[in-house]
Amino acid sequence: METIVLESLRFPIGKFTKPETVTPDQIKDAITRIESFPARLKNEVLGLSEIQLNTPYRPDGWTLRQVVHHCADSHMNAIIRFKLTLSENGTTIKPYKENLFAEMEDYKLPIDSALGILEGVHLRFCVLLRAMKPEEFSNFYVHPEYGTNYRLDQALMLYAWHGDHHLAHITSLKKRNGWK
């Protein structure tokens, strides 16, 4: 039973499943979710105290502060991966060790810096996404860590899920603890 509870805390909206096909409507919806993510995240974290920001969202999980900084790092990687793939279809991307990143000194900074990064990155990311031709969403990159290819339409779905996933970590902890 405890494993089920921990799994639901770890994946509050469920695990990502890479879709085989992605429709134009799904692409449009994912771009909208990505575009709104910085504001939705900011809305959930700005009123939190230092104690709340330093609270892990689950046992042995990251603190809310680390989650916010992780989103900035992850989404910076997202736009770079898209730009590399658009300019070099079939490129092999460079993975990074997110758990080690989360232990670095910059993850102790106030979250304002990460929120600012997210606003700028998402503005640029959505301009890029909306300028893409439909056929460019079939470009792909190779993820060497997973030994698989990701088409850009699949990667788009992943990053839309990723924002929602981490936002749910924050909102579910706030709900469980009765935080406003």
C-alpha atoms as a PDB file:
ATOM      1  CA  MET A   1       0.000   0.000   0.000  1.00  0.00           C
ATOM      2  CA  GLU A   2       2.810   2.418   0.902  1.00  0.00           C
ATOM      3  CA  THR A   3       4.377   1.903  -2.544  1.00  0.00           C
ATOM      4  CA  ILE A   4       1.100   2.924  -4.200  1.00  0.00           C
ATOM      5  CA  VAL A   5       0.885   6.081  -2.067  1.00  0.00           C
ATOM      6  CA  LEU A   6       4.512   7.039  -2.820  1.00  0.00           C
ATOM      7  CA  GLU A   7       3.943   6.411  -6.528  1.00  0.00           C
ATOM      8  CA  SER A   8       0.884   8.691  -6.506  1.00  0.00           C
ATOM      9  CA  LEU A   9       2.938  11.389  -4.759  1.00  0.00           C
ATOM     10  CA  ARG A  10       5.734  10.947  -7.293  1.00  0.00           C
ATOM     11  CA  PHE A  11       3.393  10.985 -10.312  1.00  0.00           C
ATOM     12  CA  PRO A  12       0.288  12.917  -9.239  1.00  0.00           C
ATOM     13  CA  ILE A  13      -1.027  13.194 -12.814  1.00  0.00           C
ATOM     14  CA  GLY A  14       0.319   9.794 -13.904  1.00  0.00           C
ATOM     15  CA  LYS A  15       3.452   8.822 -15.790  1.00  0.00           C
ATOM     16  CA  PHE A  16       4.152  10.234 -19.231  1.00  0.00           C
ATOM     17  CA  THR A  17       3.352   7.911 -22.088  1.00  0.00           C
ATOM     18  CA  LYS A  18       5.014   8.795 -25.390  1.00  0.00           C
ATOM     19  CA  PRO A  19       2.222   8.945 -27.973  1.00  0.00           C
ATOM     20  CA  GLU A  20       2.658   7.256 -31.349  1.00  0.00           C
ATOM     21  CA  THR A  21       0.574   9.909 -33.075  1.00  0.00           C
ATOM     22  CA  VAL A  22      -0.060  13.529 -32.148  1.00  0.00           C
ATOM     23  CA  THR A  23      -2.868  15.553 -33.737  1.00  0.00           C
ATOM     24  CA  PRO A  24      -2.738  19.246 -34.677  1.00  0.00           C
ATOM     25  CA  ASP A  25      -5.275  19.932 -31.881  1.00  0.00           C
ATOM     26  CA  GLN A  26      -3.027  18.184 -29.352  1.00  0.00           C
ATOM     27  CA  ILE A  27      -0.082  20.288 -30.563  1.00  0.00           C
ATOM     28  CA  LYS A  28      -2.114  23.463 -30.161  1.00  0.00           C
ATOM     29  CA  ASP A  29      -3.232  22.445 -26.657  1.00  0.00           C
ATOM     30  CA  ALA A  30       0.321  21.535 -25.604  1.00  0.00           C
ATOM     31  CA  ILE A  31       1.654  24.902 -26.785  1.00  0.00           C
ATOM     32  CA  THR A  32      -1.071  26.675 -24.786  1.00  0.00           C
ATOM     33  CA  ARG A  33      -0.162  24.673 -21.665  1.00  0.00           C
ATOM     34  CA  ILE A  34       3.542  25.418 -22.139  1.00  0.00           C
ATOM     35  CA  GLU A  35       2.799  29.103 -22.708  1.00  0.00           C
ATOM     36  CA  SER A  36       0.739  29.374 -19.518  1.00  0.00           C
ATOM     37  CA  PHE A  37       3.076  27.293 -17.343  1.00  0.00           C
ATOM     38  CA  PRO A  38       5.265  30.131 -15.968  1.00  0.00           C
ATOM     39  CA  ALA A  39       2.216  32.128 -14.828  1.00  0.00           C
ATOM     40  CA  ARG A  40       0.506  29.062 -13.354  1.00  0.00           C
ATOM     41  CA  LEU A  41       3.674  28.110 -11.482  1.00  0.00           C
ATOM     42  CA  LYS A  42       4.275  31.654 -10.252  1.00  0.00           C
ATOM     43  CA  ASN A  43       0.686  31.830  -9.005  1.00  0.00           C
ATOM     44  CA  GLU A  44       1.232  28.702  -6.882  1.00  0.00           C
ATOM     45  CA  VAL A  45       4.648  29.535  -5.385  1.00  0.00           C
ATOM     46  CA  LEU A  46       4.955  33.294  -4.887  1.00  0.00           C
ATOM     47  CA  GLY A  47       3.124  33.431  -1.570  1.00  0.00           C
ATOM     48  CA  LEU A  48       4.967  30.502  -0.041  1.00  0.00           C
ATOM     49  CA  SER A  49       7.259  31.012   2.944  1.00  0.00           C
ATOM     50  CA  GLU A  50      10.891  29.904   3.041  1.00  0.00           C
ATOM     51  CA  ILE A  51       9.860  26.959   5.221  1.00  0.00           C
ATOM     52  CA  GLN A  52       7.210  25.938   2.704  1.00  0.00           C
ATOM     53  CA  LEU A  53       9.623  26.310  -0.247  1.00  0.00           C
ATOM     54  CA  ASN A  54      12.130  24.111   1.586  1.00  0.00           C
ATOM     55  CA  THR A  55       9.553  21.345   2.130  1.00  0.00           C
ATOM     56  CA  PRO A  56       9.879  18.191  -0.008  1.00  0.00           C
ATOM     57  CA  TYR A  57       6.771  17.372  -2.038  1.00  0.00           C
ATOM     58  CA  ARG A  58       7.124  13.709  -0.999  1.00  0.00           C
ATOM     59  CA  PRO A  59       9.383  11.608   1.241  1.00  0.00           C
ATOM     60  CA  ASP A  60      12.882  11.561  -0.298  1.00  0.00           C
ATOM     61  CA  GLY A  61      11.707  14.041  -2.932  1.00  0.00           C
ATOM     62  CA  TRP A  62      12.871  17.469  -3.950  1.00  0.00           C
ATOM     63  CA  THR A  63      11.847  20.571  -2.076  1.00  0.00           C
ATOM     64  CA  LEU A  64       9.455  22.939  -3.795  1.00  0.00           C
ATOM     65  CA  ARG A  65      12.420  25.307  -4.306  1.00  0.00           C
ATOM     66  CA  GLN A  66      14.323  22.525  -6.096  1.00  0.00           C
ATOM     67  CA  VAL A  67      11.270  21.738  -8.233  1.00  0.00           C
ATOM     68  CA  VAL A  68      11.061  25.360  -9.428  1.00  0.00           C
ATOM     69  CA  HIS A  69      14.780  25.502 -10.238  1.00  0.00           C
ATOM     70  CA  HIS A  70      14.563  22.107 -11.954  1.00  0.00           C
ATOM     71  CA  CYS A  71      11.761  23.353 -14.209  1.00  0.00           C
ATOM     72  CA  ALA A  72      13.974  26.241 -15.333  1.00  0.00           C
ATOM     73  CA  ASP A  73      16.874  23.888 -16.123  1.00  0.00           C
ATOM     74  CA  SER A  74      14.656  21.338 -17.838  1.00  0.00           C
ATOM     75  CA  HIS A  75      12.836  23.841 -20.006  1.00  0.00           C
ATOM     76  CA  MET A  76      16.083  25.573 -21.004  1.00  0.00           C
ATOM     77  CA  ASN A  77      17.154  22.149 -22.234  1.00  0.00           C
ATOM     78  CA  ALA A  78      13.820  21.779 -24.035  1.00  0.00           C
ATOM     79  CA  ILE A  79      14.227  24.841 -26.236  1.00  0.00           C
ATOM     80  CA  ILE A  80      17.839  23.921 -26.988  1.00  0.00           C
ATOM     81  CA  ARG A  81      16.795  20.374 -27.932  1.00  0.00           C
ATOM     82  CA  PHE A  82      14.115  21.734 -30.249  1.00  0.00           C
ATOM     83  CA  LYS A  83      16.486  24.216 -31.885  1.00  0.00           C
ATOM     84  CA  LEU A  84      19.182  21.583 -32.340  1.00  0.00           C
ATOM     85  CA  THR A  85      16.654  19.212 -33.892  1.00  0.00           C
ATOM     86  CA  LEU A  86      15.242  21.875 -36.193  1.00  0.00           C
ATOM     87  CA  SER A  87      18.735  22.737 -37.398  1.00  0.00           C
ATOM     88  CA  GLU A  88      20.174  19.184 -37.319  1.00  0.00           C
ATOM     89  CA  ASN A  89      17.388  16.633 -37.703  1.00  0.00           C
ATOM     90  CA  GLY A  90      18.357  13.321 -36.087  1.00  0.00           C
ATOM     91  CA  THR A  91      20.808  14.930 -33.676  1.00  0.00           C
ATOM     92  CA  THR A  92      21.824  13.149 -30.498  1.00  0.00           C
ATOM     93  CA  ILE A  93      20.998  15.301 -27.496  1.00  0.00           C
ATOM     94  CA  LYS A  94      23.097  15.606 -24.357  1.00  0.00           C
ATOM     95  CA  PRO A  95      21.269  14.267 -21.294  1.00  0.00           C
ATOM     96  CA  TYR A  96      21.999  15.711 -17.882  1.00  0.00           C
ATOM     97  CA  LYS A  97      21.864  14.313 -14.364  1.00  0.00           C
ATOM     98  CA  GLU A  98      18.930  16.259 -12.949  1.00  0.00           C
ATOM     99  CA  ASN A  99      19.348  14.834  -9.442  1.00  0.00           C
ATOM    100  CA  LEU A 100      22.922  16.135  -9.318  1.00  0.00           C
ATOM    101  CA  PHE A 101      21.797  19.503 -10.691  1.00  0.00           C
ATOM    102  CA  ALA A 102      19.247  19.683  -7.847  1.00  0.00           C
ATOM    103  CA  GLU A 103      22.071  19.424  -5.294  1.00  0.00           C
ATOM    104  CA  MET A 104      24.066  22.325  -6.748  1.00  0.00           C
ATOM    105  CA  GLU A 105      24.400  25.642  -4.969  1.00  0.00           C
ATOM    106  CA  ASP A 106      22.219  27.628  -7.388  1.00  0.00           C
ATOM    107  CA  TYR A 107      19.209  25.534  -6.363  1.00  0.00           C
ATOM    108  CA  LYS A 108      19.396  27.267  -2.965  1.00  0.00           C
ATOM    109  CA  LEU A 109      18.779  30.686  -4.529  1.00  0.00           C
ATOM    110  CA  PRO A 110      15.444  32.447  -4.192  1.00  0.00           C
ATOM    111  CA  ILE A 111      13.007  31.160  -6.787  1.00  0.00           C
ATOM    112  CA  ASP A 112      12.646  34.555  -8.497  1.00  0.00           C
ATOM    113  CA  SER A 113      15.637  33.820 -10.728  1.00  0.00           C
ATOM    114  CA  ALA A 114      14.150  30.515 -11.920  1.00  0.00           C
ATOM    115  CA  LEU A 115      10.718  32.092 -12.456  1.00  0.00           C
ATOM    116  CA  GLY A 116      12.334  34.810 -14.583  1.00  0.00           C
ATOM    117  CA  ILE A 117      14.193  32.210 -16.639  1.00  0.00           C
ATOM    118  CA  LEU A 118      10.953  30.300 -17.185  1.00  0.00           C
ATOM    119  CA  GLU A 119       9.120  33.428 -18.367  1.00  0.00           C
ATOM    120  CA  GLY A 120      11.820  34.243 -20.910  1.00  0.00           C
ATOM    121  CA  VAL A 121      12.384  30.682 -22.080  1.00  0.00           C
ATOM    122  CA  HIS A 122       8.674  29.971 -22.482  1.00  0.00           C
ATOM    123  CA  LEU A 123       8.106  33.206 -24.405  1.00  0.00           C
ATOM    124  CA  ARG A 124      10.855  32.251 -26.854  1.00  0.00           C
ATOM    125  CA  PHE A 125       9.859  28.569 -26.886  1.00  0.00           C
ATOM    126  CA  CYS A 126       6.251  29.343 -27.834  1.00  0.00           C
ATOM    127  CA  VAL A 127       7.305  31.770 -30.570  1.00  0.00           C
ATOM    128  CA  LEU A 128       9.501  28.982 -31.961  1.00  0.00           C
ATOM    129  CA  LEU A 129       6.747  26.358 -31.623  1.00  0.00           C
ATOM    130  CA  ARG A 130       4.127  28.515 -33.346  1.00  0.00           C
ATOM    131  CA  ALA A 131       6.526  29.274 -36.213  1.00  0.00           C
ATOM    132  CA  MET A 132       7.198  25.595 -36.895  1.00  0.00           C
ATOM    133  CA  LYS A 133       5.773  24.072 -40.051  1.00  0.00           C
ATOM    134  CA  PRO A 134       3.589  21.004 -39.457  1.00  0.00           C
ATOM    135  CA  GLU A 135       6.153  18.715 -41.089  1.00  0.00           C
ATOM    136  CA  GLU A 136       8.898  19.969 -38.729  1.00  0.00           C
ATOM    137  CA  PHE A 137       7.126  18.304 -35.813  1.00  0.00           C
ATOM    138  CA  SER A 138       8.207  14.985 -37.360  1.00  0.00           C
ATOM    139  CA  ASN A 139      11.899  15.929 -36.978  1.00  0.00           C
ATOM    140  CA  PHE A 140      13.464  13.860 -34.233  1.00  0.00           C
ATOM    141  CA  TYR A 141      16.324  13.735 -31.785  1.00  0.00           C
ATOM    142  CA  VAL A 142      18.036  10.709 -30.309  1.00  0.00           C
ATOM    143  CA  HIS A 143      18.003  10.409 -26.531  1.00  0.00           C
ATOM    144  CA  PRO A 144      21.064   8.234 -25.807  1.00  0.00           C
ATOM    145  CA  GLU A 145      20.130   7.591 -22.174  1.00  0.00           C
ATOM    146  CA  TYR A 146      16.849   5.951 -23.191  1.00  0.00           C
ATOM    147  CA  GLY A 147      18.078   4.567 -26.512  1.00  0.00           C
ATOM    148  CA  THR A 148      15.109   5.996 -28.353  1.00  0.00           C
ATOM    149  CA  ASN A 149      14.112   8.699 -30.811  1.00  0.00           C
ATOM    150  CA  TYR A 150      11.753  11.506 -29.893  1.00  0.00           C
ATOM    151  CA  ARG A 151       9.891  13.288 -32.654  1.00  0.00           C
ATOM    152  CA  LEU A 152       9.340  16.931 -31.834  1.00  0.00           C
ATOM    153  CA  ASP A 153       5.582  16.425 -31.575  1.00  0.00           C
ATOM    154  CA  GLN A 154       6.247  13.724 -28.946  1.00  0.00           C
ATOM    155  CA  ALA A 155       8.787  15.936 -27.151  1.00  0.00           C
ATOM    156  CA  LEU A 156       6.231  18.751 -27.155  1.00  0.00           C
ATOM    157  CA  MET A 157       3.746  16.478 -25.406  1.00  0.00           C
ATOM    158  CA  LEU A 158       6.467  15.472 -22.922  1.00  0.00           C
ATOM    159  CA  TYR A 159       7.291  19.062 -21.964  1.00  0.00           C
ATOM    160  CA  ALA A 160       3.612  20.040 -21.654  1.00  0.00           C
ATOM    161  CA  TRP A 161       3.175  17.038 -19.330  1.00  0.00           C
ATOM    162  CA  HIS A 162       6.400  17.921 -17.487  1.00  0.00           C
ATOM    163  CA  GLY A 163       5.140  21.360 -16.469  1.00  0.00           C
ATOM    164  CA  ASP A 164       1.781  19.995 -15.382  1.00  0.00           C
ATOM    165  CA  HIS A 165       3.520  17.144 -13.526  1.00  0.00           C
ATOM    166  CA  HIS A 166       5.694  19.439 -11.408  1.00  0.00           C
ATOM    167  CA  LEU A 167       2.893  21.931 -10.892  1.00  0.00           C
ATOM    168  CA  ALA A 168       0.839  19.048  -9.472  1.00  0.00           C
ATOM    169  CA  HIS A 169       3.679  18.258  -7.049  1.00  0.00           C
ATOM    170  CA  ILE A 170       3.299  21.775  -5.682  1.00  0.00           C
ATOM    171  CA  THR A 171      -0.500  21.977  -5.673  1.00  0.00           C
ATOM    172  CA  SER A 172      -0.945  18.534  -4.136  1.00  0.00           C
ATOM    173  CA  LEU A 173       1.526  19.318  -1.311  1.00  0.00           C
ATOM    174  CA  LYS A 174      -0.231  22.623  -0.676  1.00  0.00           C
ATOM    175  CA  LYS A 175      -3.577  20.838  -0.521  1.00  0.00           C
ATOM    176  CA  ARG A 176      -2.308  18.062   1.772  1.00  0.00           C
ATOM    177  CA  ASN A 177      -0.798  20.623   4.152  1.00  0.00           C
ATOM    178  CA  GLY A 178      -3.695  23.093   4.002  1.00  0.00           C
ATOM    179  CA  TRP A 179      -1.514  25.877   2.540  1.00  0.00           C
ATOM    180  CA  LYS A 180      -3.265  28.666   0.680  1.00  0.00           C
END
